[in-house]
Amino acid sequence: MVTVECSQNNNKKIVKIMQDSPLSLLPPLVAIIIAVWRKNALLALLCGVILATVMSANWQVISGVTEGLLTIGGVFTSSGNLYIISFSLLIGALVTLMNKSGAVNGFIEKLSSLNLVKNSRQASLLPTIIGSSIFTDTNLSMFTAGMASQTLFDKYKMSRAKLAYLIDSTCAPVSILLLVNGWGAYVLGLLDDFQLTDSVGVLIGTVSYNFYAIIAVLLAFYTAYSGKIYGPMKKAESLVKALKPETVEQTAPAYVMWLPLLSLLVLTLGLLWITGDGDIRRGSGAFSVFWSIAVSFILLVLLVSSRKLLNFKEIALSSAQGIKHMFPAVAILVLSFAFGDAIKALGAGIYVSELFNVELPLFLMAPVIFLAAALMAFATGTSWGTFAILVPIAVPIAQQSGLPIEFLVAAVLGGGVFGDHASPISDTTVVASIASGCDHFEHVKTQLPYALFGAIITIILYIVVGLGLS
């Protein structure tokens, strides 16, 4: 018993020493290097978790690895984490079932039948509006906007590069602004690890400080409405590729798609209001998004069944396929939670916050965090992996410096979206190219000037706001 207590006390001393030294930054640094080197966020996070727990165990490998596995398993002991994990899996089932049932086709045909598009400006606005409206899943948003607009862009002699830019510049930025989706649930899970008094309020507060996402959406609407294009996009001569998504022959009524999506939004806001006793900022975000997606999925199943679009076996298989498709993302989600716990226990955030307080003026903290997130996301192609590594560092910096937590977390979110948005290895960039039928590297080349312009304005705004807050 005495031996155990001595061992625990020694481990606590080791952790305390590491909080005051650069060693506490080793796990995040190793995770970043592996993510850049192997282009694998899953492997990077796993190595980061194990390294952090081995260090906490005074470099005792067996004890450290065991503690690392327990830390990963501990993610599932939190009801909030389980709600968020289940939400993410059900999002996959919802999106796949919408596609298989023909609901997406029905939505696209309904848009065409309304004859809303009569000129090039309206043709440009269509994918921009669709990309801003379907905020529950970025891939669904991109494919819907792309499939609905390809023919129209060809008809009005606009390049596919422009189409790719419009859908890429609305889908991810809107998803991180309208947080009733997997993005919001994921970030909320990272914030919940810090036992903040108002995690939902902090999450909502990031919206007004997420300058890059706001600027990206505004630039997309400006480009669509004005018809003006700049940089390489002026000379874009896209190779028009035939989009080859999974063939779905049948077409369902449009409401089979939009009714469950509308119910997801309304129910989430309603449950946040109920659980927050009339204040949605204080509501239970994880609880709300889980039960909202569960009800929306059940509603979709009932609509598909009542219209005889798919039989029970087809519904079950489609749902299972969608859940299976989400396994890699959920694995990253689980390891992200575990990594946040591990480096928080090691004190990396405390050390960085103390270092920033000594070495960096307050008004430069947000710009530096934004740039760090941007570079990491650009190099790795993943914004979620970036959030997992930098949110646990940004929160303690805010707590130590006195800056608003939502201000620095927004810098991480905006930087992650910018880096992911501009990266040629980002899955969202690749999907935008496929959905628009645009050559991938042409999309990257033509979009980059817009992304860089938005990032420069964002940095200036963070400096100005930082001066006001410091």
Protein backbone atom coordinates (compact mmCIF):
# COMPACT_ATOMS: atom_id res chain seq x y z
CA MET A 1 0.00 0.00 0.00
CA VAL A 2 2.83 2.33 0.91
CA THR A 3 4.60 1.42 -2.33
CA VAL A 4 1.52 2.26 -4.37
CA GLU A 5 1.08 5.59 -2.63
CA CYS A 6 4.75 6.44 -3.17
CA SER A 7 4.44 5.54 -6.84
CA GLN A 8 1.36 7.73 -7.22
CA ASN A 9 3.08 10.62 -5.46
CA ASN A 10 6.13 10.25 -7.71
CA ASN A 11 3.91 10.29 -10.80
CA LYS A 12 2.23 13.45 -9.57
CA LYS A 13 5.63 15.05 -9.05
CA ILE A 14 6.71 14.02 -12.56
CA VAL A 15 3.56 15.57 -14.04
CA LYS A 16 4.09 18.72 -11.99
CA ILE A 17 7.68 19.01 -13.24
CA MET A 18 6.56 18.51 -16.85
CA GLN A 19 3.96 21.27 -16.49
CA ASP A 20 6.84 23.67 -15.99
CA SER A 21 8.99 22.40 -18.87
CA PRO A 22 8.92 22.02 -22.65
CA LEU A 23 8.61 18.24 -22.17
CA SER A 24 4.86 18.65 -21.74
CA LEU A 25 4.70 19.74 -25.41
CA LEU A 26 6.30 16.52 -26.66
CA PRO A 27 3.03 14.54 -27.20
CA PRO A 28 1.32 17.33 -29.23
CA LEU A 29 4.54 17.85 -31.20
CA VAL A 30 4.90 14.13 -31.95
CA ALA A 31 1.22 13.96 -32.92
CA ILE A 32 1.65 16.87 -35.35
CA ILE A 33 4.82 15.38 -36.88
CA ILE A 34 3.20 11.97 -37.39
CA ALA A 35 0.05 13.58 -38.82
CA VAL A 36 2.11 15.55 -41.35
CA TRP A 37 4.47 12.67 -42.12
CA ARG A 38 1.98 9.83 -42.43
CA LYS A 39 -1.09 11.91 -43.36
CA ASN A 40 -2.94 9.86 -40.76
CA ALA A 41 -4.77 11.65 -37.94
CA LEU A 42 -5.79 8.35 -36.30
CA LEU A 43 -2.22 7.10 -35.94
CA ALA A 44 -1.02 10.54 -34.82
CA LEU A 45 -3.60 10.81 -32.05
CA LEU A 46 -3.02 7.24 -30.86
CA CYS A 47 0.73 7.82 -30.63
CA GLY A 48 0.10 11.11 -28.84
CA VAL A 49 -2.13 9.47 -26.24
CA ILE A 50 0.31 6.63 -25.54
CA LEU A 51 3.32 8.96 -25.33
CA ALA A 52 1.52 11.31 -22.94
CA THR A 53 0.50 8.48 -20.59
CA VAL A 54 3.96 6.89 -20.73
CA MET A 55 5.46 10.23 -19.73
CA SER A 56 2.92 10.58 -16.91
CA ALA A 57 3.96 7.11 -15.72
CA ASN A 58 7.59 8.26 -15.38
CA TRP A 59 8.52 6.62 -18.69
CA GLN A 60 7.41 3.17 -17.51
CA VAL A 61 6.27 1.77 -20.86
CA ILE A 62 4.00 -1.04 -19.71
CA SER A 63 2.26 1.11 -17.08
CA GLY A 64 2.02 4.00 -19.53
CA VAL A 65 0.54 1.93 -22.37
CA THR A 66 -1.95 0.37 -19.95
CA GLU A 67 -2.94 3.81 -18.71
CA GLY A 68 -3.25 4.99 -22.32
CA LEU A 69 -5.67 2.18 -23.14
CA LEU A 70 -7.64 2.94 -19.97
CA THR A 71 -7.76 6.60 -20.99
CA ILE A 72 -9.21 5.63 -24.39
CA GLY A 73 -11.68 3.27 -22.71
CA GLY A 74 -12.58 6.02 -20.26
CA VAL A 75 -14.00 8.06 -23.11
CA PHE A 76 -16.97 5.67 -23.16
CA THR A 77 -17.73 6.17 -19.46
CA SER A 78 -19.00 9.69 -20.12
CA SER A 79 -22.66 9.92 -21.09
CA GLY A 80 -21.89 13.14 -22.97
CA ASN A 81 -19.23 11.41 -25.06
CA LEU A 82 -21.58 8.51 -25.78
CA TYR A 83 -24.29 10.93 -26.94
CA ILE A 84 -21.84 12.63 -29.32
CA ILE A 85 -20.44 9.34 -30.66
CA SER A 86 -23.97 8.02 -31.26
CA PHE A 87 -24.95 11.28 -32.94
CA SER A 88 -22.03 10.98 -35.35
CA LEU A 89 -22.92 7.40 -36.27
CA LEU A 90 -26.58 8.26 -36.82
CA ILE A 91 -25.61 11.19 -39.07
CA GLY A 92 -23.96 8.61 -41.35
CA ALA A 93 -27.10 6.48 -41.34
CA LEU A 94 -29.33 9.50 -42.03
CA VAL A 95 -27.26 10.75 -44.99
CA THR A 96 -26.92 7.32 -46.61
CA LEU A 97 -30.62 6.53 -46.22
CA MET A 98 -31.54 9.88 -47.78
CA ASN A 99 -29.41 9.06 -50.80
CA LYS A 100 -30.50 5.42 -51.17
CA SER A 101 -34.19 6.26 -50.89
CA GLY A 102 -34.00 8.85 -53.68
CA ALA A 103 -34.72 11.76 -51.33
CA VAL A 104 -31.66 13.68 -52.56
CA ASN A 105 -32.76 13.17 -56.19
CA GLY A 106 -36.23 14.38 -55.29
CA PHE A 107 -34.84 17.50 -53.67
CA ILE A 108 -32.73 18.27 -56.74
CA GLU A 109 -35.65 17.69 -59.15
CA LYS A 110 -37.87 19.94 -57.05
CA LEU A 111 -35.35 22.74 -57.35
CA SER A 112 -35.23 22.26 -61.12
CA SER A 113 -39.02 22.20 -61.48
CA LEU A 114 -39.41 25.52 -59.68
CA ASN A 115 -37.56 27.17 -62.58
CA LEU A 116 -35.81 29.57 -60.23
CA VAL A 117 -32.67 29.85 -62.36
CA LYS A 118 -32.92 32.15 -65.39
CA ASN A 119 -29.45 33.71 -65.65
CA SER A 120 -25.81 33.22 -64.65
CA ARG A 121 -26.19 35.12 -61.38
CA GLN A 122 -29.03 32.89 -60.25
CA ALA A 123 -27.09 29.82 -61.40
CA SER A 124 -24.15 30.92 -59.22
CA LEU A 125 -26.37 31.65 -56.23
CA LEU A 126 -28.06 28.23 -56.34
CA PRO A 127 -25.08 26.10 -55.11
CA THR A 128 -24.10 28.88 -52.70
CA ILE A 129 -27.53 28.86 -51.08
CA ILE A 130 -27.73 25.05 -51.05
CA GLY A 131 -24.26 24.83 -49.55
CA SER A 132 -25.29 27.25 -46.82
CA SER A 133 -28.60 25.52 -46.13
CA ILE A 134 -27.65 21.86 -45.71
CA PHE A 135 -25.38 22.23 -42.69
CA THR A 136 -25.86 18.79 -41.10
CA ASP A 137 -23.28 17.04 -43.29
CA THR A 138 -20.63 18.65 -45.50
CA ASN A 139 -20.47 15.79 -48.01
CA LEU A 140 -24.25 15.73 -48.47
CA SER A 141 -24.23 19.51 -48.86
CA MET A 142 -21.45 19.45 -51.47
CA PHE A 143 -22.88 16.61 -53.53
CA THR A 144 -26.39 18.10 -53.49
CA ALA A 145 -25.14 21.56 -54.49
CA GLY A 146 -22.76 20.13 -57.11
CA MET A 147 -25.25 17.76 -58.71
CA ALA A 148 -27.95 20.44 -58.80
CA SER A 149 -25.66 22.99 -60.46
CA GLN A 150 -23.29 21.27 -62.90
CA THR A 151 -25.61 21.45 -65.89
CA LEU A 152 -26.57 25.04 -65.09
CA PHE A 153 -22.92 26.13 -64.91
CA ASP A 154 -22.26 24.51 -68.27
CA LYS A 155 -25.36 26.16 -69.74
CA TYR A 156 -24.25 29.64 -68.67
CA LYS A 157 -20.60 28.98 -69.59
CA MET A 158 -19.18 29.26 -66.07
CA SER A 159 -16.19 27.16 -65.08
CA ARG A 160 -16.47 24.09 -62.87
CA ALA A 161 -13.62 25.63 -60.83
CA LYS A 162 -15.98 28.41 -59.80
CA LEU A 163 -18.63 25.86 -58.83
CA ALA A 164 -16.07 23.92 -56.75
CA TYR A 165 -15.03 27.12 -55.00
CA LEU A 166 -18.61 28.14 -54.18
CA ILE A 167 -19.58 24.82 -52.61
CA ASP A 168 -16.25 24.38 -50.79
CA SER A 169 -16.43 27.91 -49.38
CA THR A 170 -19.91 27.49 -47.95
CA CYS A 171 -20.21 23.89 -46.71
CA ALA A 172 -17.41 23.62 -44.10
CA PRO A 173 -17.52 27.29 -42.97
CA VAL A 174 -21.29 27.14 -42.52
CA SER A 175 -21.00 23.84 -40.63
CA ILE A 176 -18.71 25.49 -38.05
CA LEU A 177 -21.04 28.51 -37.78
CA LEU A 178 -24.43 26.71 -37.65
CA LEU A 179 -23.34 24.21 -35.05
CA VAL A 180 -26.38 21.90 -35.03
CA ASN A 181 -24.35 19.09 -36.59
CA GLY A 182 -21.42 16.75 -36.03
CA TRP A 183 -18.97 19.68 -36.01
CA GLY A 184 -20.75 21.35 -33.13
CA ALA A 185 -21.12 18.11 -31.20
CA TYR A 186 -17.44 17.34 -31.67
CA VAL A 187 -16.19 20.73 -30.46
CA LEU A 188 -18.67 20.62 -27.57
CA GLY A 189 -17.17 17.28 -26.53
CA LEU A 190 -13.69 18.83 -26.49
CA LEU A 191 -14.95 21.74 -24.37
CA ASP A 192 -16.80 19.46 -21.94
CA ASP A 193 -13.45 17.93 -20.93
CA PHE A 194 -12.66 21.18 -19.11
CA GLN A 195 -15.86 21.15 -17.01
CA LEU A 196 -16.67 24.73 -17.95
CA THR A 197 -19.70 26.27 -16.28
CA ASP A 198 -21.28 27.03 -19.67
CA SER A 199 -19.80 24.88 -22.46
CA VAL A 200 -22.75 25.48 -24.79
CA GLY A 201 -22.47 29.23 -24.20
CA VAL A 202 -18.76 29.12 -25.07
CA LEU A 203 -19.52 27.10 -28.21
CA ILE A 204 -22.19 29.58 -29.33
CA GLY A 205 -19.85 32.44 -28.47
CA THR A 206 -17.23 31.18 -30.92
CA VAL A 207 -19.55 32.02 -33.83
CA SER A 208 -19.14 35.79 -33.54
CA TYR A 209 -15.34 35.43 -33.26
CA ASN A 210 -14.95 32.93 -36.10
CA PHE A 211 -13.93 35.59 -38.58
CA TYR A 212 -12.48 33.30 -41.23
CA ALA A 213 -15.65 31.23 -41.59
CA ILE A 214 -17.80 34.37 -41.78
CA ILE A 215 -15.51 35.98 -44.37
CA ALA A 216 -15.38 32.78 -46.46
CA VAL A 217 -19.18 32.64 -46.68
CA LEU A 218 -19.45 36.36 -47.47
CA LEU A 219 -16.79 36.06 -50.20
CA ALA A 220 -18.67 33.14 -51.75
CA PHE A 221 -21.94 35.09 -51.85
CA TYR A 222 -20.15 38.17 -53.21
CA THR A 223 -18.56 36.09 -55.96
CA ALA A 224 -21.86 34.41 -56.83
CA TYR A 225 -23.88 37.64 -56.86
CA SER A 226 -21.39 39.98 -58.53
CA GLY A 227 -20.05 37.48 -61.06
CA LYS A 228 -16.56 38.90 -60.50
CA ILE A 229 -13.66 36.46 -60.32
CA TYR A 230 -10.00 37.03 -59.54
CA GLY A 231 -6.63 35.32 -59.86
CA PRO A 232 -6.19 31.95 -61.60
CA MET A 233 -9.95 31.42 -61.68
CA LYS A 234 -10.17 34.00 -64.47
CA LYS A 235 -8.24 31.66 -66.72
CA ALA A 236 -9.85 28.49 -65.45
CA GLU A 237 -10.73 26.07 -68.21
CA SER A 238 -12.05 23.16 -66.20
CA LEU A 239 -11.95 19.63 -67.47
CA VAL A 240 -15.63 18.79 -67.25
CA LYS A 241 -15.83 15.34 -65.74
CA ALA A 242 -18.91 13.23 -65.54
CA LEU A 243 -19.90 13.03 -61.89
CA LYS A 244 -20.22 9.40 -60.94
CA PRO A 245 -21.86 9.09 -57.57
CA GLU A 246 -23.54 5.86 -56.60
CA THR A 247 -26.47 5.51 -59.00
CA VAL A 248 -29.88 5.95 -57.42
CA GLU A 249 -32.63 5.41 -59.99
CA GLN A 250 -35.72 6.25 -57.97
CA THR A 251 -36.82 9.71 -56.92
CA ALA A 252 -38.61 10.44 -53.67
CA PRO A 253 -40.69 13.50 -52.80
CA ALA A 254 -38.50 16.42 -51.73
CA TYR A 255 -40.03 16.54 -48.24
CA VAL A 256 -38.50 13.14 -47.46
CA MET A 257 -35.19 15.00 -47.32
CA TRP A 258 -36.02 18.43 -45.95
CA LEU A 259 -38.54 17.40 -43.28
CA PRO A 260 -36.05 15.30 -41.22
CA LEU A 261 -33.40 18.03 -41.63
CA LEU A 262 -35.86 20.67 -40.43
CA SER A 263 -36.88 18.50 -37.49
CA LEU A 264 -33.20 18.07 -36.55
CA LEU A 265 -32.74 21.84 -36.31
CA VAL A 266 -36.01 22.57 -34.50
CA LEU A 267 -35.65 19.71 -32.02
CA THR A 268 -32.05 20.59 -31.19
CA LEU A 269 -32.91 24.20 -30.45
CA GLY A 270 -36.02 23.12 -28.52
CA LEU A 271 -34.15 20.62 -26.35
CA LEU A 272 -31.37 23.13 -25.69
CA TRP A 273 -34.06 25.56 -24.49
CA ILE A 274 -35.74 22.92 -22.30
CA THR A 275 -32.56 21.53 -20.73
CA GLY A 276 -31.23 25.06 -20.24
CA ASP A 277 -34.40 26.20 -18.41
CA GLY A 278 -35.19 28.73 -21.09
CA ASP A 279 -31.58 29.60 -21.97
CA ILE A 280 -30.22 27.59 -24.94
CA ARG A 281 -26.66 28.58 -24.02
CA ARG A 282 -26.95 26.57 -20.82
CA GLY A 283 -28.67 23.57 -22.34
CA SER A 284 -27.18 20.10 -22.65
CA GLY A 285 -25.67 20.11 -26.13
CA ALA A 286 -24.74 16.41 -26.26
CA PHE A 287 -28.16 15.30 -24.97
CA SER A 288 -29.97 17.64 -27.36
CA VAL A 289 -28.17 16.68 -30.57
CA PHE A 290 -28.42 12.95 -29.80
CA TRP A 291 -32.19 12.88 -29.26
CA SER A 292 -32.73 15.27 -32.18
CA ILE A 293 -30.83 13.05 -34.63
CA ALA A 294 -32.55 9.95 -33.19
CA VAL A 295 -36.02 11.41 -33.75
CA SER A 296 -35.06 12.76 -37.19
CA PHE A 297 -33.72 9.35 -38.23
CA ILE A 298 -36.89 7.61 -37.04
CA LEU A 299 -38.95 10.18 -38.96
CA LEU A 300 -36.92 9.49 -42.11
CA VAL A 301 -37.42 5.73 -41.70
CA LEU A 302 -41.18 6.24 -41.33
CA LEU A 303 -41.32 8.46 -44.42
CA VAL A 304 -39.30 5.99 -46.49
CA SER A 305 -41.44 3.08 -45.30
CA SER A 306 -44.78 4.84 -45.80
CA ARG A 307 -43.83 5.82 -49.35
CA LYS A 308 -42.57 2.26 -49.99
CA LEU A 309 -39.28 3.68 -51.25
CA LEU A 310 -37.28 0.88 -49.60
CA ASN A 311 -38.24 -2.30 -47.78
CA PHE A 312 -37.19 -3.01 -44.20
CA LYS A 313 -34.11 -4.99 -45.23
CA GLU A 314 -32.92 -2.22 -47.58
CA ILE A 315 -33.47 0.41 -44.87
CA ALA A 316 -31.46 -1.66 -42.38
CA LEU A 317 -28.64 -2.31 -44.86
CA SER A 318 -28.46 1.35 -45.94
CA SER A 319 -28.41 2.51 -42.33
CA ALA A 320 -25.69 0.01 -41.44
CA GLN A 321 -23.65 1.12 -44.45
CA GLY A 322 -23.92 4.74 -43.35
CA ILE A 323 -22.87 3.89 -39.79
CA LYS A 324 -19.94 1.84 -41.10
CA HIS A 325 -18.88 4.78 -43.26
CA MET A 326 -18.62 6.91 -40.09
CA PHE A 327 -16.36 4.47 -38.19
CA PRO A 328 -13.06 6.19 -39.19
CA ALA A 329 -14.41 9.62 -38.20
CA VAL A 330 -15.76 8.26 -34.92
CA ALA A 331 -12.42 6.57 -34.19
CA ILE A 332 -10.74 9.96 -34.59
CA LEU A 333 -13.45 11.43 -32.37
CA VAL A 334 -12.76 8.90 -29.57
CA LEU A 335 -8.99 9.34 -29.78
CA SER A 336 -9.44 13.12 -29.85
CA PHE A 337 -11.28 13.00 -26.53
CA ALA A 338 -8.63 10.67 -25.07
CA PHE A 339 -5.78 12.84 -26.38
CA GLY A 340 -7.33 15.94 -24.85
CA ASP A 341 -7.58 14.18 -21.47
CA ALA A 342 -3.99 12.90 -21.71
CA ILE A 343 -2.27 16.18 -22.54
CA LYS A 344 -4.48 18.04 -20.08
CA ALA A 345 -3.30 15.64 -17.35
CA LEU A 346 0.28 16.20 -18.49
CA GLY A 347 -0.14 19.97 -18.25
CA ALA A 348 0.71 20.93 -21.84
CA GLY A 349 -1.96 23.62 -21.94
CA ILE A 350 -0.79 25.11 -18.63
CA TYR A 351 2.82 25.29 -19.80
CA VAL A 352 1.92 26.88 -23.14
CA SER A 353 -0.40 29.37 -21.46
CA GLU A 354 2.36 30.40 -19.05
CA LEU A 355 4.83 30.63 -21.94
CA PHE A 356 2.42 32.79 -23.95
CA ASN A 357 1.83 35.05 -20.97
CA VAL A 358 5.56 35.67 -20.66
CA GLU A 359 6.65 35.70 -24.26
CA LEU A 360 3.66 36.94 -26.26
CA PRO A 361 1.52 40.08 -25.98
CA LEU A 362 -2.16 39.34 -25.36
CA PHE A 363 -3.29 40.91 -28.64
CA LEU A 364 -1.12 38.49 -30.65
CA MET A 365 -2.38 35.29 -29.02
CA ALA A 366 -5.39 34.77 -31.28
CA PRO A 367 -3.45 35.46 -34.52
CA VAL A 368 -0.67 33.05 -33.49
CA ILE A 369 -3.17 30.33 -32.53
CA PHE A 370 -5.02 30.89 -35.82
CA LEU A 371 -1.79 30.51 -37.81
CA ALA A 372 -0.74 27.42 -35.85
CA ALA A 373 -4.12 25.78 -36.53
CA ALA A 374 -4.01 26.83 -40.19
CA LEU A 375 -0.54 25.40 -40.79
CA MET A 376 -1.34 22.15 -39.07
CA ALA A 377 -4.66 21.65 -40.88
CA PHE A 378 -3.10 22.59 -44.21
CA ALA A 379 -0.28 20.09 -43.73
CA THR A 380 -2.48 17.25 -42.44
CA GLY A 381 -5.69 17.87 -44.37
CA THR A 382 -7.85 17.52 -41.26
CA SER A 383 -9.51 20.26 -39.26
CA TRP A 384 -10.94 17.86 -36.67
CA GLY A 385 -7.50 16.47 -35.82
CA THR A 386 -6.30 20.06 -35.47
CA PHE A 387 -9.15 20.87 -33.10
CA ALA A 388 -8.28 17.83 -30.98
CA ILE A 389 -4.68 18.95 -30.49
CA LEU A 390 -5.10 22.72 -30.17
CA VAL A 391 -8.42 23.23 -28.32
CA PRO A 392 -6.95 21.60 -25.15
CA ILE A 393 -4.10 24.11 -25.41
CA ALA A 394 -6.20 27.17 -26.28
CA VAL A 395 -8.61 26.82 -23.34
CA PRO A 396 -5.94 26.92 -20.59
CA ILE A 397 -4.26 29.85 -22.37
CA ALA A 398 -7.54 31.75 -22.21
CA GLN A 399 -8.07 30.82 -18.57
CA GLN A 400 -4.56 31.94 -17.60
CA SER A 401 -4.49 35.11 -19.69
CA GLY A 402 -8.00 36.34 -18.95
CA LEU A 403 -8.99 36.44 -22.62
CA PRO A 404 -12.47 35.06 -23.46
CA ILE A 405 -12.32 31.30 -23.98
CA GLU A 406 -14.60 31.55 -27.01
CA PHE A 407 -12.21 34.07 -28.60
CA LEU A 408 -9.21 31.73 -28.63
CA VAL A 409 -11.26 28.60 -29.38
CA ALA A 410 -12.73 30.44 -32.38
CA ALA A 411 -9.17 31.14 -33.57
CA VAL A 412 -8.49 27.38 -33.49
CA LEU A 413 -11.74 26.59 -35.33
CA GLY A 414 -11.24 29.27 -37.97
CA GLY A 415 -7.59 28.35 -38.52
CA GLY A 416 -8.49 24.66 -38.81
CA VAL A 417 -11.19 25.38 -41.39
CA PHE A 418 -8.88 27.65 -43.40
CA GLY A 419 -6.06 25.09 -43.46
CA ASP A 420 -8.44 22.26 -44.29
CA HIS A 421 -10.19 24.48 -46.83
CA ALA A 422 -6.97 25.31 -48.69
CA SER A 423 -5.20 21.95 -48.38
CA PRO A 424 -4.86 19.75 -51.49
CA ILE A 425 -4.98 16.63 -49.28
CA SER A 426 -8.14 17.64 -47.42
CA ASP A 427 -11.08 15.30 -47.87
CA THR A 428 -13.49 18.25 -48.17
CA THR A 429 -11.38 19.78 -50.96
CA VAL A 430 -11.35 16.45 -52.79
CA VAL A 431 -15.12 16.01 -52.35
CA ALA A 432 -15.74 19.55 -53.65
CA SER A 433 -13.72 18.72 -56.78
CA ILE A 434 -15.63 15.48 -57.35
CA ALA A 435 -19.05 17.03 -56.67
CA SER A 436 -18.43 19.85 -59.14
CA GLY A 437 -16.72 17.74 -61.80
CA CYS A 438 -13.61 19.92 -61.58
CA ASP A 439 -9.99 18.87 -61.88
CA HIS A 440 -8.76 18.63 -58.29
CA PHE A 441 -5.54 20.61 -58.56
CA GLU A 442 -7.27 23.27 -60.62
CA HIS A 443 -9.76 23.64 -57.77
CA VAL A 444 -6.96 23.98 -55.23
CA LYS A 445 -5.07 26.48 -57.39
CA THR A 446 -8.08 28.68 -58.13
CA GLN A 447 -9.45 28.66 -54.60
CA LEU A 448 -6.22 29.39 -52.73
CA PRO A 449 -6.10 33.17 -53.42
CA TYR A 450 -9.62 33.57 -51.99
CA ALA A 451 -8.73 31.52 -48.91
CA LEU A 452 -5.51 33.48 -48.35
CA PHE A 453 -7.34 36.80 -48.69
CA GLY A 454 -9.86 35.67 -46.07
CA ALA A 455 -7.07 34.53 -43.77
CA ILE A 456 -5.20 37.85 -44.02
CA ILE A 457 -8.35 39.82 -43.16
CA THR A 458 -8.99 37.39 -40.29
CA ILE A 459 -5.53 37.95 -38.79
CA ILE A 460 -6.00 41.72 -38.96
CA LEU A 461 -9.38 41.42 -37.22
CA TYR A 462 -7.93 39.20 -34.49
CA ILE A 463 -5.20 41.79 -33.83
CA VAL A 464 -7.75 44.63 -33.67
CA VAL A 465 -10.12 42.69 -31.38
CA GLY A 466 -7.16 41.46 -29.31
CA LEU A 467 -6.06 45.06 -28.72
CA GLY A 468 -9.56 45.86 -27.51
CA LEU A 469 -9.66 42.90 -25.13
CA SER A 470 -6.13 43.21 -23.74
